[in-house]
Protein backbone atom coordinates (compact mmCIF):
# COMPACT_ATOMS: atom_id res chain seq x y z
CA MET A 1 1.83 14.94 -8.16
CA LYS A 2 0.76 11.33 -7.63
CA LEU A 3 -0.46 10.36 -4.16
CA ILE A 4 0.66 7.14 -2.47
CA LEU A 5 -1.07 5.82 0.63
CA LEU A 6 1.50 3.86 2.67
CA VAL A 7 0.02 1.52 5.29
CA ASP A 8 2.40 -0.15 7.74
CA ASP A 9 2.55 -0.36 11.53
CA GLU A 10 6.36 -0.33 11.57
CA VAL A 11 7.22 3.32 12.20
CA ASP A 12 10.79 3.00 10.94
CA THR A 13 9.65 1.41 7.68
CA THR A 14 7.01 4.07 7.15
CA SER A 15 9.42 6.92 7.91
CA VAL A 16 12.15 5.67 5.58
CA LEU A 17 9.78 4.80 2.72
CA THR A 18 7.96 8.13 3.06
CA LEU A 19 11.24 10.03 2.83
CA LEU A 20 12.44 8.02 -0.19
CA LEU A 21 9.10 8.20 -2.02
CA GLU A 22 8.80 11.94 -1.45
CA HIS A 23 12.35 12.37 -2.72
CA ALA A 24 11.27 10.41 -5.83
CA GLY A 25 8.53 12.99 -6.43
CA TYR A 26 5.45 11.41 -4.86
CA GLN A 27 3.12 12.81 -2.24
CA VAL A 28 2.79 10.27 0.61
CA LEU A 29 0.16 9.83 3.29
CA SER A 30 0.66 7.11 5.87
CA ALA A 31 -1.45 4.99 8.17
CA SER A 32 -0.52 2.38 10.77
CA ASN A 33 -3.35 -0.05 9.93
CA GLY A 34 -6.22 -0.63 7.52
CA LEU A 35 -8.83 1.16 9.63
CA GLU A 36 -6.73 4.31 9.75
CA ALA A 37 -6.09 4.01 6.01
CA LEU A 38 -9.82 3.79 5.27
CA ASP A 39 -10.33 6.94 7.30
CA ILE A 40 -7.65 8.73 5.24
CA MET A 41 -9.27 7.47 2.04
CA SER A 42 -12.54 9.12 3.03
CA GLU A 43 -10.78 12.46 2.42
CA HIS A 44 -8.04 11.61 -0.11
CA SER A 45 -8.06 9.46 -3.23
CA PRO A 46 -4.67 7.75 -3.60
CA ASP A 47 -3.17 6.86 -6.96
CA LEU A 48 -1.51 3.82 -5.35
CA ILE A 49 -1.84 1.94 -2.08
CA ILE A 50 1.16 0.17 -0.56
CA SER A 51 0.16 -1.97 2.40
CA ASP A 52 1.87 -4.36 4.75
CA CYS A 53 0.13 -7.69 5.48
CA MET A 54 0.54 -7.95 9.24
CA MET A 55 -0.86 -4.98 11.18
CA PRO A 56 -3.06 -4.50 14.25
CA LEU A 57 -6.79 -3.70 14.09
CA MET A 58 -7.12 -4.40 10.36
CA ASP A 59 -4.45 -6.33 8.48
CA GLY A 60 -3.48 -5.89 4.83
CA PRO A 61 -5.69 -8.61 3.31
CA SER A 62 -8.75 -7.33 5.24
CA PHE A 63 -7.95 -3.77 4.17
CA LEU A 64 -7.56 -4.93 0.57
CA LYS A 65 -10.98 -6.60 0.71
CA GLU A 66 -12.54 -3.33 1.95
CA VAL A 67 -10.81 -1.34 -0.79
CA ARG A 68 -11.89 -3.71 -3.54
CA GLY A 69 -15.45 -3.68 -2.17
CA ASN A 70 -15.73 0.09 -2.61
CA PRO A 71 -16.53 1.12 -6.22
CA ALA A 72 -14.63 4.39 -5.73
CA TYR A 73 -11.38 2.51 -5.06
CA GLU A 74 -11.81 -0.92 -6.66
CA ALA A 75 -9.46 0.01 -9.52
CA THR A 76 -6.83 1.73 -7.35
CA PRO A 77 -3.54 -0.14 -7.75
CA PHE A 78 -2.67 -2.07 -4.59
CA LEU A 79 0.83 -3.28 -3.73
CA LEU A 80 0.96 -5.73 -0.86
CA MET A 81 4.20 -6.24 1.08
CA SER A 82 5.09 -8.79 3.72
CA SER A 83 7.98 -10.42 5.49
CA ALA A 84 5.86 -13.53 6.14
CA PRO A 85 3.48 -14.14 3.23
CA ASP A 86 2.89 -17.76 4.24
CA GLN A 87 0.95 -16.56 7.29
CA HIS A 88 -1.87 -15.22 5.10
CA ASP A 89 -4.22 -16.78 2.56
CA LEU A 90 -3.34 -14.59 -0.41
CA LYS A 91 -4.41 -16.83 -3.28
CA ASN A 92 -7.81 -15.10 -3.62
CA ALA A 93 -6.57 -11.62 -2.71
CA LYS A 94 -6.98 -9.12 -5.52
CA PHE A 95 -3.78 -7.13 -5.17
CA ASP A 96 -1.93 -5.82 -8.23
CA SER A 97 1.57 -6.67 -7.09
CA PHE A 98 3.48 -8.12 -4.17
CA ILE A 99 6.92 -7.49 -2.70
CA LEU A 100 8.70 -9.52 -0.06
CA LYS A 101 10.32 -7.61 2.84
CA PRO A 102 13.12 -6.73 3.16
CA PHE A 103 13.62 -5.23 -0.28
CA GLN A 104 15.84 -2.76 -2.07
CA PHE A 105 14.18 0.60 -2.77
CA GLU A 106 15.09 0.27 -6.46
CA LYS A 107 13.07 -2.94 -6.66
CA LEU A 108 10.11 -1.21 -5.03
CA MET A 109 10.35 1.66 -7.52
CA ALA A 110 10.43 -0.79 -10.43
CA ILE A 111 7.09 -2.15 -9.21
CA ILE A 112 5.54 1.22 -8.28
CA GLU A 113 6.20 3.14 -11.47
CA PRO A 114 4.10 1.00 -13.85
CA LEU A 115 1.32 0.64 -11.26
CA ILE A 116 0.98 4.32 -10.43
CA ASN A 117 0.98 5.34 -14.07
CA VAL A 118 -2.00 3.09 -14.88
CA LYS A 119 -4.49 5.30 -13.05
CA PRO A 120 -5.28 8.57 -14.90
């Protein structure tokens, strides 16, 4: 079973997406910010990371930079999501895909499936 690490400080978003992703057959671990996600990654190796941009303590772009700086995770597919992408400098960010909030779950799945199947 493929493991998705879902990082978002919005509890409702995390709860709904976790339920839907688990129903779709994925194992899901969640974190409320990048620091918490890095802690989870010290014990679990996700097949895909889905992260919000705006979060407390460590935002999505900072978390992405940490992930890409670690050789163990530099190739892990990373999907960035945001309701306000203009508030971040994303032009040099090395994410694999991006989705604008709010979104339909079907659109998210269309992005996830090719990404998660890249990693062996």
